[in-house]
Every structure is written in structure tokens, then in C-alpha cells.
Amino acid sequence: IIPMESIQSGYRFISLRNEFNLPIGMASLFVKIDVKDYIPSEMADFANALVDPIAHLSKDDLMKRREDMLTTLVDQEDLIDPIVIKGLETFQNVQPKAGETPNKDPKPKEE
């Protein structure tokens, strides 16, 4: 008796034995064993979805999931600290506009 956990795929020699479990001379079988998981036909779609979940989703499901993620990101902007937002606005105001050269002198010129 061979436990199912110990059976592996591949080629094997199986020696033949009599009713007293003694080997019958040099008699043996050469077999090829393929171990596969049994999946009932009604569960095939579910098994395929586990193997490749993105391919299993419909385009509508993917678009809805994308919209949900974007909504979550937009909602999280409310959680940003107002000091950080003010700092970002100040940084954007300091940046030179297109075509302008940046002011390398940190002090304003006095006239």
C-alpha cells in the first residue's frame, strides 16, 4: 500500500508479489505515473479563475475596480495635512513659468 502523498510523477519499476507479499522472482512492471489534481467539470471555471484572476475578470469588472481605486485616492486627498498642501502651493508659486529663467539670487534686488 502506497500513501497518495508519496506518489510522484515519473517512470517506476513495480515488483510483482504473491498473496503472501513475497516477490515473484524477477517479475516487475515498468510504469509511467502521471499525478494530476482532479477538478470536477462544474468547478473548472473557478479553478481557472484561481490560476489567472485578471484574465477571468470581464472588462466591466476591471473598469469598475479602476474607478473604485481612483475614488479611494481622491477621497484620501482630504486626509492630507493642510500644512503640506500650503507648502506645495508655495513651491508651485516659486517655480519659474515656461520660458522664464530661474532667479539664482535668493535675495530680492534692492534699488
Protein backbone atom coordinates (compact mmCIF):
# COMPACT_ATOMS: atom_id res chain seq x y z
CA ILE A 1 0.00 0.00 0.00
CA ILE A 2 1.41 3.37 -1.06
CA PRO A 3 0.08 6.56 0.54
CA MET A 4 -1.21 9.08 -2.01
CA GLU A 5 1.09 11.80 -0.62
CA SER A 6 4.20 9.79 -1.53
CA ILE A 7 3.29 9.04 -5.17
CA GLN A 8 5.27 11.19 -7.61
CA SER A 9 5.03 11.55 -11.37
CA GLY A 10 7.57 9.66 -13.45
CA TYR A 11 8.68 6.18 -14.52
CA ARG A 12 8.80 3.40 -11.88
CA PHE A 13 9.50 -0.31 -11.57
CA ILE A 14 6.85 -2.16 -9.56
CA SER A 15 7.87 -5.63 -8.43
CA LEU A 16 5.11 -8.23 -8.54
CA ARG A 17 4.30 -10.10 -5.31
CA ASN A 18 2.27 -13.15 -4.42
CA GLU A 19 -0.59 -13.45 -1.91
CA PHE A 20 1.97 -13.72 0.95
CA ASN A 21 3.60 -10.42 -0.13
CA LEU A 22 6.77 -12.19 -1.31
CA PRO A 23 8.41 -11.08 -4.60
CA ILE A 24 7.67 -13.32 -7.59
CA GLY A 25 11.20 -13.81 -8.89
CA MET A 26 12.37 -11.07 -11.21
CA ALA A 27 8.83 -10.22 -12.38
CA SER A 28 8.15 -6.50 -12.39
CA LEU A 29 6.19 -3.85 -14.24
CA PHE A 30 7.67 -0.70 -15.75
CA VAL A 31 5.04 2.05 -15.48
CA LYS A 32 4.70 5.75 -16.11
CA ILE A 33 2.78 7.62 -13.41
CA ASP A 34 1.12 10.98 -14.03
CA VAL A 35 -0.19 12.67 -10.90
CA LYS A 36 -2.85 15.28 -11.58
CA ASP A 37 -5.39 17.15 -9.49
CA TYR A 38 -8.96 16.14 -10.12
CA ILE A 39 -11.22 19.11 -10.80
CA PRO A 40 -14.89 18.42 -11.46
CA SER A 41 -16.20 20.00 -14.66
CA GLU A 42 -18.57 22.29 -12.74
CA MET A 43 -15.57 23.74 -10.83
CA ALA A 44 -13.32 24.24 -13.90
CA ASP A 45 -14.18 27.95 -14.24
CA PHE A 46 -13.40 28.52 -10.57
CA ALA A 47 -10.05 26.71 -10.89
CA ASN A 48 -9.14 28.78 -13.97
CA ALA A 49 -10.04 31.97 -12.09
CA LEU A 50 -7.65 30.98 -9.29
CA VAL A 51 -4.84 30.33 -11.77
CA ASP A 52 -5.26 33.62 -13.71
CA PRO A 53 -7.62 36.03 -11.90
CA ILE A 54 -7.09 39.03 -14.21
CA ALA A 55 -7.96 37.11 -17.37
CA HIS A 56 -11.10 35.80 -15.67
CA LEU A 57 -12.46 39.29 -14.90
CA SER A 58 -14.63 40.98 -17.50
CA LYS A 59 -13.71 44.38 -18.90
CA ASP A 60 -16.62 45.95 -16.98
CA ASP A 61 -15.31 44.47 -13.73
CA LEU A 62 -11.84 45.85 -14.42
CA MET A 63 -13.18 49.33 -15.22
CA LYS A 64 -15.33 49.35 -12.07
CA ARG A 65 -12.36 48.27 -9.95
CA ARG A 66 -10.23 51.04 -11.55
CA GLU A 67 -12.91 53.65 -10.81
CA ASP A 68 -13.15 52.44 -7.20
CA MET A 69 -9.38 52.77 -6.78
CA LEU A 70 -9.37 56.27 -8.26
CA THR A 71 -12.25 57.29 -6.00
CA THR A 72 -10.33 55.99 -3.00
CA LEU A 73 -7.28 58.03 -3.99
CA VAL A 74 -9.37 61.19 -4.44
CA ASP A 75 -11.06 60.62 -1.07
CA GLN A 76 -7.66 60.27 0.60
CA GLU A 77 -6.62 63.75 -0.55
CA ASP A 78 -8.91 65.08 2.21
CA LEU A 79 -6.64 63.33 4.73
CA ILE A 80 -3.52 65.28 3.67
CA ASP A 81 -2.29 67.76 6.25
CA PRO A 82 -3.23 71.40 5.31
CA ILE A 83 0.35 72.49 6.12
CA VAL A 84 1.66 70.10 3.46
CA ILE A 85 -0.86 71.47 0.93
CA LYS A 86 0.18 75.06 1.72
CA GLY A 87 3.84 74.06 1.29
CA LEU A 88 3.07 72.51 -2.09
CA GLU A 89 1.20 75.62 -3.22
CA THR A 90 4.15 77.80 -2.15
CA PHE A 91 6.55 75.51 -4.00
CA GLN A 92 4.41 75.69 -7.16
CA ASN A 93 4.31 79.52 -6.96
CA VAL A 94 8.12 79.69 -6.70
CA GLN A 95 8.70 77.50 -9.79
CA PRO A 96 9.57 79.53 -12.92
CA LYS A 97 6.97 79.67 -15.66
CA ALA A 98 7.69 78.32 -19.13
CA GLY A 99 10.28 80.47 -20.91
CA GLU A 100 11.46 82.20 -17.70
CA THR A 101 14.90 81.68 -16.26
CA PRO A 102 15.06 80.79 -12.59
CA ASN A 103 16.26 83.50 -10.20
CA LYS A 104 19.55 82.23 -8.80
CA ASP A 105 19.86 85.07 -6.29
CA PRO A 106 17.76 84.19 -3.23
CA LYS A 107 17.62 87.83 -2.09
CA PRO A 108 15.47 90.32 -3.98
CA LYS A 109 17.43 93.12 -5.65
CA GLU A 110 17.23 96.46 -3.87
CA GLU A 111 17.08 99.63 -5.93
